[in-house]
Amino acid sequence: MPLEAGLLEILACPACHAPLREEGDELLCTGGAECGLVYPVRDGIPVLLVDEARRPD
């Protein structure tokens, strides 16, 4: 289920503060190689905890 457009516009990566983009059930940091964390979206709720994020494959 996609996030509301207004919500995605105000969300930022908690690690580097770069904007996030939605891809499937995840939010990807657009901060580039220095960050690039991937955050899960569970039941339509973004989990923006660095401890829950993963590095991209």
Protein backbone atom coordinates (compact mmCIF):
# COMPACT_ATOMS: atom_id res chain seq x y z
CA MET A 1 0.00 0.00 0.00
CA PRO A 2 1.60 3.30 -1.07
CA LEU A 3 2.19 6.04 1.48
CA GLU A 4 0.32 9.31 1.21
CA ALA A 5 2.17 11.75 -1.04
CA GLY A 6 2.22 14.48 1.63
CA LEU A 7 3.77 12.12 4.17
CA LEU A 8 6.56 11.04 1.85
CA GLU A 9 7.44 14.69 1.16
CA ILE A 10 8.17 15.42 4.83
CA LEU A 11 9.98 12.19 5.76
CA ALA A 12 13.77 12.14 5.86
CA CYS A 13 16.42 9.58 6.69
CA PRO A 14 17.09 9.71 10.44
CA ALA A 15 20.78 8.91 9.87
CA CYS A 16 21.74 11.56 7.26
CA HIS A 17 18.55 13.64 6.81
CA ALA A 18 18.37 12.99 3.04
CA PRO A 19 14.95 12.58 1.38
CA LEU A 20 13.44 9.11 1.15
CA ARG A 21 11.84 7.45 -1.86
CA GLU A 22 9.31 4.66 -1.78
CA GLU A 23 10.07 1.36 -3.47
CA GLY A 24 7.64 -1.46 -2.78
CA ASP A 25 7.29 -1.99 0.98
CA GLU A 26 10.45 -0.04 1.78
CA LEU A 27 11.76 3.50 1.93
CA LEU A 28 15.19 4.08 0.43
CA CYS A 29 17.53 6.84 1.53
CA THR A 30 18.63 9.01 -1.39
CA GLY A 31 21.77 10.07 0.47
CA GLY A 32 24.04 8.07 -1.79
CA ALA A 33 26.88 5.72 -0.95
CA GLU A 34 27.66 7.35 2.40
CA CYS A 35 24.27 6.30 3.79
CA GLY A 36 21.79 4.56 1.47
CA LEU A 37 19.88 2.78 4.25
CA VAL A 38 16.63 0.96 3.47
CA TYR A 39 13.78 1.30 5.98
CA PRO A 40 10.84 -1.13 6.18
CA VAL A 41 7.20 -0.11 5.95
CA ARG A 42 5.05 -2.39 8.10
CA ASP A 43 1.26 -2.28 7.85
CA GLY A 44 1.52 1.10 6.10
CA ILE A 45 3.69 2.60 8.85
CA PRO A 46 7.31 3.59 8.08
CA VAL A 47 9.75 2.20 10.64
CA LEU A 48 12.39 4.94 10.66
CA LEU A 49 14.76 3.42 13.20
CA VAL A 50 18.40 3.09 12.18
CA ASP A 51 18.56 -0.22 14.10
CA GLU A 52 15.72 -1.61 11.93
CA ALA A 53 17.23 -0.40 8.64
CA ARG A 54 19.37 -2.52 6.36
CA ARG A 55 22.07 -1.81 3.81
CA PRO A 56 20.94 -2.23 0.18
CA ASP A 57 21.80 -5.50 -1.57
